[in-house]
PDB file of N, CA and C in Angstrom:
ATOM      1  N   MET A   1      62.228  58.453 129.128  1.00  0.00           N
ATOM      2  CA  MET A   1      61.797  57.526 128.098  1.00  0.00           C
ATOM      3  C   MET A   1      62.802  57.556 126.945  1.00  0.00           C
ATOM      4  N   PRO A   2      63.209  56.393 126.475  1.00  0.00           N
ATOM      5  CA  PRO A   2      64.101  56.358 125.319  1.00  0.00           C
ATOM      6  C   PRO A   2      63.452  57.025 124.098  1.00  0.00           C
ATOM      7  N   LEU A   3      64.273  57.676 123.292  1.00  0.00           N
ATOM      8  CA  LEU A   3      63.792  58.375 122.113  1.00  0.00           C
ATOM      9  C   LEU A   3      63.060  57.426 121.162  1.00  0.00           C
ATOM     10  N   HIS A   4      63.549  56.195 121.047  1.00  0.00           N
ATOM     11  CA  HIS A   4      62.909  55.207 120.169  1.00  0.00           C
ATOM     12  C   HIS A   4      61.447  55.000 120.568  1.00  0.00           C
ATOM     13  N   GLN A   5      61.179  54.871 121.865  1.00  0.00           N
ATOM     14  CA  GLN A   5      59.807  54.683 122.354  1.00  0.00           C
ATOM     15  C   GLN A   5      58.950  55.910 122.084  1.00  0.00           C
ATOM     16  N   LEU A   6      59.515  57.087 122.263  1.00  0.00           N
ATOM     17  CA  LEU A   6      58.764  58.315 122.009  1.00  0.00           C
ATOM     18  C   LEU A   6      58.391  58.416 120.536  1.00  0.00           C
ATOM     19  N   VAL A   7      59.318  58.074 119.660  1.00  0.00           N
ATOM     20  CA  VAL A   7      59.030  58.096 118.218  1.00  0.00           C
ATOM     21  C   VAL A   7      57.913  57.105 117.912  1.00  0.00           C
ATOM     22  N   ASN A   8      57.942  55.919 118.527  1.00  0.00           N
ATOM     23  CA  ASN A   8      56.871  54.938 118.308  1.00  0.00           C
ATOM     24  C   ASN A   8      55.521  55.491 118.720  1.00  0.00           C
ATOM     25  N   LYS A   9      55.451  56.154 119.880  1.00  0.00           N
ATOM     26  CA  LYS A   9      54.184  56.736 120.342  1.00  0.00           C
ATOM     27  C   LYS A   9      53.661  57.778 119.358  1.00  0.00           C
ATOM     28  N   VAL A  10      54.550  58.637 118.883  1.00  0.00           N
ATOM     29  CA  VAL A  10      54.153  59.673 117.928  1.00  0.00           C
ATOM     30  C   VAL A  10      53.696  59.035 116.623  1.00  0.00           C
ATOM     31  N   MET A  11      54.407  58.013 116.162  1.00  0.00           N
ATOM     32  CA  MET A  11      54.058  57.326 114.921  1.00  0.00           C
ATOM     33  C   MET A  11      52.664  56.699 114.995  1.00  0.00           C
ATOM     34  N   ILE A  12      52.337  56.110 116.123  1.00  0.00           N
ATOM     35  CA  ILE A  12      51.018  55.484 116.286  1.00  0.00           C
ATOM     36  C   ILE A  12      49.912  56.516 116.112  1.00  0.00           C
ATOM     37  N   GLY A  13      50.104  57.703 116.679  1.00  0.00           N
ATOM     38  CA  GLY A  13      49.113  58.758 116.535  1.00  0.00           C
ATOM     39  C   GLY A  13      48.947  59.249 115.110  1.00  0.00           C
ATOM     40  N   LEU A  14      49.993  59.121 114.318  1.00  0.00           N
ATOM     41  CA  LEU A  14      49.954  59.597 112.938  1.00  0.00           C
ATOM     42  C   LEU A  14      49.682  58.485 111.924  1.00  0.00           C
ATOM     43  N   LEU A  15      49.436  57.287 112.403  1.00  0.00           N
ATOM     44  CA  LEU A  15      49.197  56.148 111.516  1.00  0.00           C
ATOM     45  C   LEU A  15      48.025  56.372 110.555  1.00  0.00           C
ATOM     46  N   PRO A  16      46.874  56.882 111.031  1.00  0.00           N
ATOM     47  CA  PRO A  16      45.778  57.120 110.071  1.00  0.00           C
ATOM     48  C   PRO A  16      46.168  58.098 108.953  1.00  0.00           C
ATOM     49  N   LEU A  17      46.916  59.143 109.290  1.00  0.00           N
ATOM     50  CA  LEU A  17      47.362  60.095 108.279  1.00  0.00           C
ATOM     51  C   LEU A  17      48.302  59.417 107.288  1.00  0.00           C
ATOM     52  N   ALA A  18      49.240  58.631 107.793  1.00  0.00           N
ATOM     53  CA  ALA A  18      50.186  57.930 106.914  1.00  0.00           C
ATOM     54  C   ALA A  18      49.439  56.980 105.975  1.00  0.00           C
ATOM     55  N   ILE A  19      48.460  56.266 106.499  1.00  0.00           N
ATOM     56  CA  ILE A  19      47.684  55.338 105.669  1.00  0.00           C
ATOM     57  C   ILE A  19      46.921  56.098 104.589  1.00  0.00           C
ATOM     58  N   SER A  20      46.328  57.230 104.954  1.00  0.00           N
ATOM     59  CA  SER A  20      45.568  58.004 103.969  1.00  0.00           C
ATOM     60  C   SER A  20      46.466  58.572 102.865  1.00  0.00           C
ATOM     61  N   HIS A  21      47.749  58.729 103.159  1.00  0.00           N
ATOM     62  CA  HIS A  21      48.704  59.210 102.159  1.00  0.00           C
ATOM     63  C   HIS A  21      49.494  58.056 101.530  1.00  0.00           C
ATOM     64  N   LYS A  22      49.065  56.826 101.847  1.00  0.00           N
ATOM     65  CA  LYS A  22      49.709  55.622 101.298  1.00  0.00           C
ATOM     66  C   LYS A  22      51.207  55.613 101.570  1.00  0.00           C
ATOM     67  N   SER A  23      51.570  56.060 102.773  1.00  0.00           N
ATOM     68  CA  SER A  23      52.971  56.137 103.173  1.00  0.00           C
ATOM     69  C   SER A  23      53.188  55.323 104.434  1.00  0.00           C
ATOM     70  N   PHE A  24      54.442  55.061 104.753  1.00  0.00           N
ATOM     71  CA  PHE A  24      54.756  54.394 106.011  1.00  0.00           C
ATOM     72  C   PHE A  24      56.001  55.019 106.615  1.00  0.00           C
ATOM     73  N   VAL A  25      56.116  54.856 107.934  1.00  0.00           N
ATOM     74  CA  VAL A  25      57.210  55.469 108.677  1.00  0.00           C
ATOM     75  C   VAL A  25      58.045  54.359 109.305  1.00  0.00           C
ATOM     76  N   ILE A  26      59.351  54.476 109.185  1.00  0.00           N
ATOM     77  CA  ILE A  26      60.281  53.520 109.794  1.00  0.00           C
ATOM     78  C   ILE A  26      61.026  54.234 110.917  1.00  0.00           C
ATOM     79  N   ASN A  27      61.026  53.618 112.089  1.00  0.00           N
ATOM     80  CA  ASN A  27      61.727  54.163 113.252  1.00  0.00           C
ATOM     81  C   ASN A  27      63.112  53.532 113.309  1.00  0.00           C
ATOM     82  N   ASP A  28      64.115  54.271 112.865  1.00  0.00           N
ATOM     83  CA  ASP A  28      65.506  53.797 112.875  1.00  0.00           C
ATOM     84  C   ASP A  28      66.313  54.388 114.022  1.00  0.00           C
ATOM     85  N   VAL A  29      65.635  54.852 115.066  1.00  0.00           N
ATOM     86  CA  VAL A  29      66.316  55.450 116.208  1.00  0.00           C
ATOM     87  C   VAL A  29      66.850  54.343 117.113  1.00  0.00           C
ATOM     88  N   ASN A  30      68.094  54.464 117.509  1.00  0.00           N
ATOM     89  CA  ASN A  30      68.727  53.498 118.409  1.00  0.00           C
ATOM     90  C   ASN A  30      67.969  53.473 119.735  1.00  0.00           C
ATOM     91  N   PRO A  31      67.537  52.296 120.213  1.00  0.00           N
ATOM     92  CA  PRO A  31      66.777  52.208 121.463  1.00  0.00           C
ATOM     93  C   PRO A  31      67.548  52.672 122.698  1.00  0.00           C
ATOM     94  N   ASP A  32      68.856  52.827 122.608  1.00  0.00           N
ATOM     95  CA  ASP A  32      69.661  53.236 123.758  1.00  0.00           C
ATOM     96  C   ASP A  32      69.807  54.748 123.902  1.00  0.00           C
ATOM     97  N   VAL A  33      69.220  55.529 123.001  1.00  0.00           N
ATOM     98  CA  VAL A  33      69.401  56.977 123.030  1.00  0.00           C
ATOM     99  C   VAL A  33      68.230  57.658 123.733  1.00  0.00           C
ATOM    100  N   ASN A  34      68.558  58.532 124.663  1.00  0.00           N
ATOM    101  CA  ASN A  34      67.586  59.404 125.323  1.00  0.00           C
ATOM    102  C   ASN A  34      67.968  60.841 125.017  1.00  0.00           C
ATOM    103  N   VAL A  35      66.976  61.723 124.998  1.00  0.00           N
ATOM    104  CA  VAL A  35      67.228  63.147 124.858  1.00  0.00           C
ATOM    105  C   VAL A  35      66.755  63.807 126.140  1.00  0.00           C
ATOM    106  N   LEU A  36      67.628  64.610 126.738  1.00  0.00           N
ATOM    107  CA  LEU A  36      67.268  65.322 127.963  1.00  0.00           C
ATOM    108  C   LEU A  36      66.472  66.568 127.591  1.00  0.00           C
ATOM    109  N   ALA A  37      65.164  66.389 127.437  1.00  0.00           N
ATOM    110  CA  ALA A  37      64.275  67.494 127.072  1.00  0.00           C
ATOM    111  C   ALA A  37      62.883  67.160 127.586  1.00  0.00           C
ATOM    112  N   ASP A  38      62.050  68.168 127.692  1.00  0.00           N
ATOM    113  CA  ASP A  38      60.665  67.961 128.099  1.00  0.00           C
ATOM    114  C   ASP A  38      60.000  66.991 127.114  1.00  0.00           C
ATOM    115  N   GLU A  39      59.506  65.876 127.633  1.00  0.00           N
ATOM    116  CA  GLU A  39      58.965  64.815 126.784  1.00  0.00           C
ATOM    117  C   GLU A  39      57.766  65.288 125.957  1.00  0.00           C
ATOM    118  N   ASN A  40      56.888  66.078 126.552  1.00  0.00           N
ATOM    119  CA  ASN A  40      55.706  66.553 125.823  1.00  0.00           C
ATOM    120  C   ASN A  40      56.083  67.511 124.702  1.00  0.00           C
ATOM    121  N   MET A  41      57.025  68.397 124.979  1.00  0.00           N
ATOM    122  CA  MET A  41      57.461  69.334 123.942  1.00  0.00           C
ATOM    123  C   MET A  41      58.195  68.602 122.826  1.00  0.00           C
ATOM    124  N   LEU A  42      59.029  67.642 123.195  1.00  0.00           N
ATOM    125  CA  LEU A  42      59.743  66.858 122.192  1.00  0.00           C
ATOM    126  C   LEU A  42      58.752  66.068 121.342  1.00  0.00           C
ATOM    127  N   ALA A  43      57.733  65.480 121.977  1.00  0.00           N
ATOM    128  CA  ALA A  43      56.706  64.746 121.230  1.00  0.00           C
ATOM    129  C   ALA A  43      55.981  65.687 120.266  1.00  0.00           C
ATOM    130  N   PHE A  44      55.708  66.929 120.713  1.00  0.00           N
ATOM    131  CA  PHE A  44      55.066  67.907 119.836  1.00  0.00           C
ATOM    132  C   PHE A  44      55.937  68.204 118.625  1.00  0.00           C
ATOM    133  N   VAL A  45      57.227  68.433 118.853  1.00  0.00           N
ATOM    134  CA  VAL A  45      58.146  68.751 117.749  1.00  0.00           C
ATOM    135  C   VAL A  45      58.266  67.560 116.799  1.00  0.00           C
ATOM    136  N   LEU A  46      58.452  66.363 117.344  1.00  0.00           N
ATOM    137  CA  LEU A  46      58.534  65.168 116.494  1.00  0.00           C
ATOM    138  C   LEU A  46      57.244  64.971 115.710  1.00  0.00           C
ATOM    139  N   GLY A  47      56.121  65.147 116.402  1.00  0.00           N
ATOM    140  CA  GLY A  47      54.825  65.002 115.742  1.00  0.00           C
ATOM    141  C   GLY A  47      54.654  66.000 114.610  1.00  0.00           C
ATOM    142  N   ALA A  48      55.074  67.239 114.843  1.00  0.00           N
ATOM    143  CA  ALA A  48      54.975  68.263 113.805  1.00  0.00           C
ATOM    144  C   ALA A  48      55.882  67.935 112.626  1.00  0.00           C
ATOM    145  N   MET A  49      57.098  67.472 112.930  1.00  0.00           N
ATOM    146  CA  MET A  49      58.031  67.102 111.858  1.00  0.00           C
ATOM    147  C   MET A  49      57.432  65.989 110.997  1.00  0.00           C
ATOM    148  N   LEU A  50      56.905  64.957 111.655  1.00  0.00           N
ATOM    149  CA  LEU A  50      56.322  63.832 110.921  1.00  0.00           C
ATOM    150  C   LEU A  50      55.027  64.225 110.223  1.00  0.00           C
ATOM    151  N   ASN A  51      54.185  64.983 110.909  1.00  0.00           N
ATOM    152  CA  ASN A  51      52.913  65.402 110.322  1.00  0.00           C
ATOM    153  C   ASN A  51      53.148  66.192 109.038  1.00  0.00           C
ATOM    154  N   GLN A  52      54.081  67.125 109.075  1.00  0.00           N
ATOM    155  CA  GLN A  52      54.377  67.936 107.899  1.00  0.00           C
ATOM    156  C   GLN A  52      54.899  67.071 106.759  1.00  0.00           C
ATOM    157  N   THR A  53      55.753  66.138 107.100  1.00  0.00           N
ATOM    158  CA  THR A  53      56.344  65.283 106.077  1.00  0.00           C
ATOM    159  C   THR A  53      55.308  64.362 105.465  1.00  0.00           C
ATOM    160  N   ILE A  54      54.499  63.732 106.297  1.00  0.00           N
ATOM    161  CA  ILE A  54      53.458  62.831 105.784  1.00  0.00           C
ATOM    162  C   ILE A  54      52.452  63.612 104.943  1.00  0.00           C
ATOM    163  N   SER A  55      52.021  64.771 105.448  1.00  0.00           N
ATOM    164  CA  SER A  55      51.006  65.570 104.754  1.00  0.00           C
ATOM    165  C   SER A  55      51.481  66.083 103.398  1.00  0.00           C
ATOM    166  N   ALA A  56      52.769  66.281 103.251  1.00  0.00           N
ATOM    167  CA  ALA A  56      53.313  66.847 102.017  1.00  0.00           C
ATOM    168  C   ALA A  56      53.710  65.794 100.991  1.00  0.00           C
ATOM    169  N   THR A  57      53.541  64.531 101.316  1.00  0.00           N
ATOM    170  CA  THR A  57      53.996  63.472 100.410  1.00  0.00           C
ATOM    171  C   THR A  57      52.899  62.433 100.183  1.00  0.00           C
ATOM    172  N   GLU A  58      53.090  61.605  99.179  1.00  0.00           N
ATOM    173  CA  GLU A  58      52.228  60.471  98.870  1.00  0.00           C
ATOM    174  C   GLU A  58      53.128  59.281  98.531  1.00  0.00           C
ATOM    175  N   ASN A  59      52.667  58.081  98.875  1.00  0.00           N
ATOM    176  CA  ASN A  59      53.403  56.852  98.523  1.00  0.00           C
ATOM    177  C   ASN A  59      54.876  56.959  98.909  1.00  0.00           C
ATOM    178  N   GLU A  60      55.113  57.292 100.154  1.00  0.00           N
ATOM    179  CA  GLU A  60      56.471  57.596 100.596  1.00  0.00           C
ATOM    180  C   GLU A  60      56.914  56.677 101.738  1.00  0.00           C
ATOM    181  N   CYS A  61      58.185  56.350 101.729  1.00  0.00           N
ATOM    182  CA  CYS A  61      58.835  55.703 102.872  1.00  0.00           C
ATOM    183  C   CYS A  61      59.527  56.823 103.644  1.00  0.00           C
ATOM    184  N   ILE A  62      59.067  57.066 104.867  1.00  0.00           N
ATOM    185  CA  ILE A  62      59.603  58.136 105.707  1.00  0.00           C
ATOM    186  C   ILE A  62      60.410  57.491 106.818  1.00  0.00           C
ATOM    187  N   ARG A  63      61.618  57.939 106.984  1.00  0.00           N
ATOM    188  CA  ARG A  63      62.544  57.327 107.938  1.00  0.00           C
ATOM    189  C   ARG A  63      62.898  58.321 109.032  1.00  0.00           C
ATOM    190  N   VAL A  64      62.753  57.890 110.306  1.00  0.00           N
ATOM    191  CA  VAL A  64      63.156  58.713 111.448  1.00  0.00           C
ATOM    192  C   VAL A  64      64.464  58.144 111.973  1.00  0.00           C
ATOM    193  N   GLU A  65      65.477  59.000 112.077  1.00  0.00           N
ATOM    194  CA  GLU A  65      66.793  58.576 112.531  1.00  0.00           C
ATOM    195  C   GLU A  65      67.306  59.544 113.593  1.00  0.00           C
ATOM    196  N   ALA A  66      68.240  59.083 114.377  1.00  0.00           N
ATOM    197  CA  ALA A  66      68.908  59.952 115.350  1.00  0.00           C
ATOM    198  C   ALA A  66      70.394  59.640 115.302  1.00  0.00           C
ATOM    199  N   SER A  67      71.186  60.683 115.357  1.00  0.00           N
ATOM    200  CA  SER A  67      72.635  60.504 115.408  1.00  0.00           C
ATOM    201  C   SER A  67      73.188  61.478 116.432  1.00  0.00           C
ATOM    202  N   SER A  68      74.347  61.138 116.950  1.00  0.00           N
ATOM    203  CA  SER A  68      74.949  62.022 117.946  1.00  0.00           C
ATOM    204  C   SER A  68      76.355  62.409 117.511  1.00  0.00           C
ATOM    205  N   GLU A  69      76.728  63.590 117.932  1.00  0.00           N
ATOM    206  CA  GLU A  69      78.059  64.108 117.649  1.00  0.00           C
ATOM    207  C   GLU A  69      78.478  64.941 118.848  1.00  0.00           C
ATOM    208  N   ARG A  70      79.463  64.471 119.564  1.00  0.00           N
ATOM    209  CA  ARG A  70      79.930  65.113 120.795  1.00  0.00           C
ATOM    210  C   ARG A  70      78.776  65.267 121.771  1.00  0.00           C
ATOM    211  N   CYS A  71      78.392  66.492 122.092  1.00  0.00           N
ATOM    212  CA  CYS A  71      77.324  66.740 123.072  1.00  0.00           C
ATOM    213  C   CYS A  71      75.999  67.097 122.412  1.00  0.00           C
ATOM    214  N   ALA A  72      75.807  66.731 121.161  1.00  0.00           N
ATOM    215  CA  ALA A  72      74.574  67.077 120.461  1.00  0.00           C
ATOM    216  C   ALA A  72      73.930  65.831 119.885  1.00  0.00           C
ATOM    217  N   ILE A  73      72.626  65.891 119.733  1.00  0.00           N
ATOM    218  CA  ILE A  73      71.895  64.812 119.073  1.00  0.00           C
ATOM    219  C   ILE A  73      71.080  65.424 117.944  1.00  0.00           C
ATOM    220  N   TYR A  74      71.016  64.713 116.825  1.00  0.00           N
ATOM    221  CA  TYR A  74      70.294  65.160 115.647  1.00  0.00           C
ATOM    222  C   TYR A  74      69.201  64.155 115.353  1.00  0.00           C
ATOM    223  N   ILE A  75      67.967  64.614 115.332  1.00  0.00           N
ATOM    224  CA  ILE A  75      66.835  63.763 114.986  1.00  0.00           C
ATOM    225  C   ILE A  75      66.409  64.165 113.588  1.00  0.00           C
ATOM    226  N   SER A  76      66.386  63.207 112.674  1.00  0.00           N
ATOM    227  CA  SER A  76      66.077  63.503 111.279  1.00  0.00           C
ATOM    228  C   SER A  76      64.868  62.724 110.802  1.00  0.00           C
ATOM    229  N   VAL A  77      64.036  63.389 110.003  1.00  0.00           N
ATOM    230  CA  VAL A  77      62.934  62.762 109.293  1.00  0.00           C
ATOM    231  C   VAL A  77      63.300  62.883 107.823  1.00  0.00           C
ATOM    232  N   LYS A  78      63.476  61.734 107.154  1.00  0.00           N
ATOM    233  CA  LYS A  78      63.982  61.737 105.785  1.00  0.00           C
ATOM    234  C   LYS A  78      62.980  61.107 104.824  1.00  0.00           C
ATOM    235  N   THR A  79      62.944  61.654 103.606  1.00  0.00           N
ATOM    236  CA  THR A  79      62.116  61.106 102.538  1.00  0.00           C
ATOM    237  C   THR A  79      62.973  60.931 101.293  1.00  0.00           C
ATOM    238  N   ILE A  80      62.430  60.207 100.344  1.00  0.00           N
ATOM    239  CA  ILE A  80      63.113  60.041  99.066  1.00  0.00           C
ATOM    240  C   ILE A  80      62.768  61.196  98.135  1.00  0.00           C
ATOM    241  N   SER A  81      61.513  61.643  98.177  1.00  0.00           N
ATOM    242  CA  SER A  81      61.104  62.724  97.284  1.00  0.00           C
ATOM    243  C   SER A  81      61.249  64.079  97.967  1.00  0.00           C
ATOM    244  N   GLN A  82      61.335  65.116  97.156  1.00  0.00           N
ATOM    245  CA  GLN A  82      61.411  66.474  97.692  1.00  0.00           C
ATOM    246  C   GLN A  82      60.016  67.073  97.696  1.00  0.00           C
ATOM    247  N   PHE A  83      59.766  67.947  98.641  1.00  0.00           N
ATOM    248  CA  PHE A  83      58.463  68.586  98.771  1.00  0.00           C
ATOM    249  C   PHE A  83      58.653  69.951  99.397  1.00  0.00           C
ATOM    250  N   LEU A  84      57.609  70.749  99.398  1.00  0.00           N
ATOM    251  CA  LEU A  84      57.671  72.101  99.949  1.00  0.00           C
ATOM    252  C   LEU A  84      56.890  72.175 101.245  1.00  0.00           C
ATOM    253  N   TYR A  85      57.465  72.812 102.249  1.00  0.00           N
ATOM    254  CA  TYR A  85      56.758  73.112 103.491  1.00  0.00           C
ATOM    255  C   TYR A  85      56.068  74.449 103.297  1.00  0.00           C
ATOM    256  N   SER A  86      54.835  74.537 103.732  1.00  0.00           N
ATOM    257  CA  SER A  86      54.104  75.799 103.661  1.00  0.00           C
ATOM    258  C   SER A  86      54.179  76.468 105.028  1.00  0.00           C
ATOM    259  N   ASN A  87      54.815  77.617 105.099  1.00  0.00           N
ATOM    260  CA  ASN A  87      54.983  78.317 106.381  1.00  0.00           C
ATOM    261  C   ASN A  87      53.662  78.680 107.034  1.00  0.00           C
ATOM    262  N   SER A  88      52.692  79.126 106.267  1.00  0.00           N
ATOM    263  CA  SER A  88      51.450  79.613 106.859  1.00  0.00           C
ATOM    264  C   SER A  88      50.526  78.473 107.282  1.00  0.00           C
ATOM    265  N   GLU A  89      50.422  77.434 106.496  1.00  0.00           N
ATOM    266  CA  GLU A  89      49.465  76.369 106.767  1.00  0.00           C
ATOM    267  C   GLU A  89      50.032  75.258 107.638  1.00  0.00           C
ATOM    268  N   SER A  90      51.311  75.113 107.673  1.00  0.00           N
ATOM    269  CA  SER A  90      51.896  73.915 108.265  1.00  0.00           C
ATOM    270  C   SER A  90      52.154  73.990 109.755  1.00  0.00           C
ATOM    271  N   GLY A  91      52.068  75.161 110.333  1.00  0.00           N
ATOM    272  CA  GLY A  91      52.420  75.268 111.739  1.00  0.00           C
ATOM    273  C   GLY A  91      53.924  75.224 111.941  1.00  0.00           C
ATOM    274  N   LEU A  92      54.680  75.555 110.886  1.00  0.00           N
ATOM    275  CA  LEU A  92      56.136  75.530 110.965  1.00  0.00           C
ATOM    276  C   LEU A  92      56.641  76.459 112.059  1.00  0.00           C
ATOM    277  N   LYS A  93      56.037  77.620 112.177  1.00  0.00           N
ATOM    278  CA  LYS A  93      56.473  78.576 113.198  1.00  0.00           C
ATOM    279  C   LYS A  93      56.268  78.000 114.597  1.00  0.00           C
ATOM    280  N   GLU A  94      55.112  77.349 114.831  1.00  0.00           N
ATOM    281  CA  GLU A  94      54.844  76.740 116.133  1.00  0.00           C
ATOM    282  C   GLU A  94      55.852  75.639 116.441  1.00  0.00           C
ATOM    283  N   MET A  95      56.203  74.860 115.417  1.00  0.00           N
ATOM    284  CA  MET A  95      57.189  73.799 115.596  1.00  0.00           C
ATOM    285  C   MET A  95      58.543  74.403 115.970  1.00  0.00           C
ATOM    286  N   GLU A  96      58.938  75.463 115.292  1.00  0.00           N
ATOM    287  CA  GLU A  96      60.222  76.106 115.586  1.00  0.00           C
ATOM    288  C   GLU A  96      60.232  76.704 116.992  1.00  0.00           C
ATOM    289  N   LEU A  97      59.126  77.327 117.402  1.00  0.00           N
ATOM    290  CA  LEU A  97      59.046  77.900 118.751  1.00  0.00           C
ATOM    291  C   LEU A  97      59.106  76.817 119.822  1.00  0.00           C
ATOM    292  N   ALA A  98      58.399  75.713 119.599  1.00  0.00           N
ATOM    293  CA  ALA A  98      58.429  74.607 120.566  1.00  0.00           C
ATOM    294  C   ALA A  98      59.824  74.010 120.646  1.00  0.00           C
ATOM    295  N   ALA A  99      60.478  73.870 119.511  1.00  0.00           N
ATOM    296  CA  ALA A  99      61.843  73.345 119.496  1.00  0.00           C
ATOM    297  C   ALA A  99      62.770  74.272 120.277  1.00  0.00           C
ATOM    298  N   ALA A 100      62.617  75.559 120.099  1.00  0.00           N
ATOM    299  CA  ALA A 100      63.462  76.525 120.809  1.00  0.00           C
ATOM    300  C   ALA A 100      63.265  76.430 122.320  1.00  0.00           C
ATOM    301  N   LYS A 101      62.042  76.149 122.749  1.00  0.00           N
ATOM    302  CA  LYS A 101      61.758  76.036 124.184  1.00  0.00           C
ATOM    303  C   LYS A 101      62.489  74.872 124.834  1.00  0.00           C
ATOM    304  N   ILE A 102      62.830  73.863 124.046  1.00  0.00           N
ATOM    305  CA  ILE A 102      63.559  72.715 124.611  1.00  0.00           C
ATOM    306  C   ILE A 102      65.022  72.717 124.163  1.00  0.00           C
ATOM    307  N   GLY A 103      65.483  73.869 123.693  1.00  0.00           N
ATOM    308  CA  GLY A 103      66.889  74.018 123.341  1.00  0.00           C
ATOM    309  C   GLY A 103      67.278  73.386 122.027  1.00  0.00           C
ATOM    310  N   ALA A 104      66.331  73.279 121.108  1.00  0.00           N
ATOM    311  CA  ALA A 104      66.596  72.642 119.819  1.00  0.00           C
ATOM    312  C   ALA A 104      66.380  73.634 118.684  1.00  0.00           C
ATOM    313  N   HIS A 105      66.833  73.244 117.518  1.00  0.00           N
ATOM    314  CA  HIS A 105      66.684  74.047 116.318  1.00  0.00           C
ATOM    315  C   HIS A 105      66.265  73.126 115.186  1.00  0.00           C
ATOM    316  N   VAL A 106      65.257  73.538 114.411  1.00  0.00           N
ATOM    317  CA  VAL A 106      64.752  72.723 113.303  1.00  0.00           C
ATOM    318  C   VAL A 106      65.295  73.270 111.991  1.00  0.00           C
ATOM    319  N   THR A 107      65.782  72.361 111.148  1.00  0.00           N
ATOM    320  CA  THR A 107      66.301  72.716 109.830  1.00  0.00           C
ATOM    321  C   THR A 107      65.593  71.861 108.788  1.00  0.00           C
ATOM    322  N   ILE A 108      65.175  72.474 107.700  1.00  0.00           N
ATOM    323  CA  ILE A 108      64.517  71.753 106.608  1.00  0.00           C
ATOM    324  C   ILE A 108      65.335  71.994 105.352  1.00  0.00           C
ATOM    325  N   LEU A 109      65.885  70.926 104.797  1.00  0.00           N
ATOM    326  CA  LEU A 109      66.770  71.052 103.640  1.00  0.00           C
ATOM    327  C   LEU A 109      66.490  69.985 102.598  1.00  0.00           C
ATOM    328  N   PRO A 110      66.537  70.361 101.331  1.00  0.00           N
ATOM    329  CA  PRO A 110      66.513  69.333 100.292  1.00  0.00           C
ATOM    330  C   PRO A 110      67.879  68.653 100.263  1.00  0.00           C
ATOM    331  N   SER A 111      67.886  67.378  99.940  1.00  0.00           N
ATOM    332  CA  SER A 111      69.151  66.660  99.831  1.00  0.00           C
ATOM    333  C   SER A 111      69.193  65.963  98.476  1.00  0.00           C
ATOM    334  N   GLN A 112      70.295  65.345  98.169  1.00  0.00           N
ATOM    335  CA  GLN A 112      70.419  64.630  96.902  1.00  0.00           C
ATOM    336  C   GLN A 112      69.430  63.485  96.817  1.00  0.00           C
ATOM    337  N   CYS A 113      69.074  62.927  97.955  1.00  0.00           N
ATOM    338  CA  CYS A 113      68.181  61.769  97.984  1.00  0.00           C
ATOM    339  C   CYS A 113      66.743  62.132  98.328  1.00  0.00           C
ATOM    340  N   GLY A 114      66.414  63.387  98.529  1.00  0.00           N
ATOM    341  CA  GLY A 114      65.057  63.770  98.883  1.00  0.00           C
ATOM    342  C   GLY A 114      65.028  64.969  99.801  1.00  0.00           C
ATOM    343  N   MET A 115      64.332  64.819 100.931  1.00  0.00           N
ATOM    344  CA  MET A 115      64.166  65.925 101.867  1.00  0.00           C
ATOM    345  C   MET A 115      64.570  65.459 103.252  1.00  0.00           C
ATOM    346  N   VAL A 116      65.184  66.341 104.033  1.00  0.00           N
ATOM    347  CA  VAL A 116      65.597  66.020 105.390  1.00  0.00           C
ATOM    348  C   VAL A 116      65.112  67.132 106.319  1.00  0.00           C
ATOM    349  N   VAL A 117      64.372  66.747 107.348  1.00  0.00           N
ATOM    350  CA  VAL A 117      63.953  67.675 108.394  1.00  0.00           C
ATOM    351  C   VAL A 117      64.732  67.260 109.633  1.00  0.00           C
ATOM    352  N   THR A 118      65.558  68.137 110.166  1.00  0.00           N
ATOM    353  CA  THR A 118      66.422  67.794 111.285  1.00  0.00           C
ATOM    354  C   THR A 118      66.132  68.691 112.477  1.00  0.00           C
ATOM    355  N   CYS A 119      66.118  68.075 113.639  1.00  0.00           N
ATOM    356  CA  CYS A 119      65.980  68.803 114.899  1.00  0.00           C
ATOM    357  C   CYS A 119      67.241  68.487 115.690  1.00  0.00           C
ATOM    358  N   ASN A 120      68.047  69.511 116.012  1.00  0.00           N
ATOM    359  CA  ASN A 120      69.274  69.224 116.751  1.00  0.00           C
ATOM    360  C   ASN A 120      69.218  69.826 118.151  1.00  0.00           C
ATOM    361  N   PHE A 121      69.754  69.061 119.082  1.00  0.00           N
ATOM    362  CA  PHE A 121      69.805  69.446 120.490  1.00  0.00           C
ATOM    363  C   PHE A 121      71.252  69.477 120.913  1.00  0.00           C
ATOM    364  N   LYS A 122      71.694  70.568 121.518  1.00  0.00           N
ATOM    365  CA  LYS A 122      73.033  70.628 122.058  1.00  0.00           C
ATOM    366  C   LYS A 122      72.952  70.356 123.549  1.00  0.00           C
ATOM    367  N   ASP A 123      73.930  69.652 124.086  1.00  0.00           N
ATOM    368  CA  ASP A 123      73.991  69.313 125.502  1.00  0.00           C
ATOM    369  C   ASP A 123      72.750  68.561 125.964  1.00  0.00           C
ATOM    370  N   ALA A 124      72.173  67.722 125.098  1.00  0.00           N
ATOM    371  CA  ALA A 124      70.943  67.030 125.465  1.00  0.00           C
ATOM    372  C   ALA A 124      71.054  65.518 125.290  1.00  0.00           C
ATOM    373  N   LEU A 125      72.270  65.030 125.116  1.00  0.00           N
ATOM    374  CA  LEU A 125      72.451  63.604 124.853  1.00  0.00           C
ATOM    375  C   LEU A 125      72.630  62.833 126.142  1.00  0.00           C
ATOM    376  N   LYS A 126      71.939  61.711 126.240  1.00  0.00           N
ATOM    377  CA  LYS A 126      72.073  60.830 127.393  1.00  0.00           C
ATOM    378  C   LYS A 126      71.916  59.400 126.912  1.00  0.00           C
ATOM    379  N   ALA A 127      72.853  58.555 127.226  1.00  0.00           N
ATOM    380  CA  ALA A 127      72.731  57.135 126.882  1.00  0.00           C
ATOM    381  C   ALA A 127      71.876  56.449 127.932  1.00  0.00           C
ATOM    382  N   ALA A 128      71.076  55.494 127.497  1.00  0.00           N
ATOM    383  CA  ALA A 128      70.202  54.775 128.422  1.00  0.00           C
ATOM    384  C   ALA A 128      70.990  53.855 129.311  1.00  0.00           C
TER     385      ALA A 128
END
């Protein structure tokens, strides 16, 4: 399944949460990109990334993007505002463990424009 379609499926499941936080999610993932990873685990990681971001923000435009560099793909969830992830309440550890099971690593960093949650996969890029 193309990554764009998987992001859409995850977004639909999180729509009630986004509405309750007066936020919306934009899927900016190129429809031609696939990630060679277990689809259910990837959906869990994407869902956790989005869930944490939506839950920690209000009135936010959240953007999901994917970029590739050589043999790696980077999936990013970006916001305009900065926020804090809570390690104990957020399930961050579970998200990191699930990402590791599919050969990915999750990074959460503040940026000049807000917050960026990135999941990178090495040797997992496949064009549709």
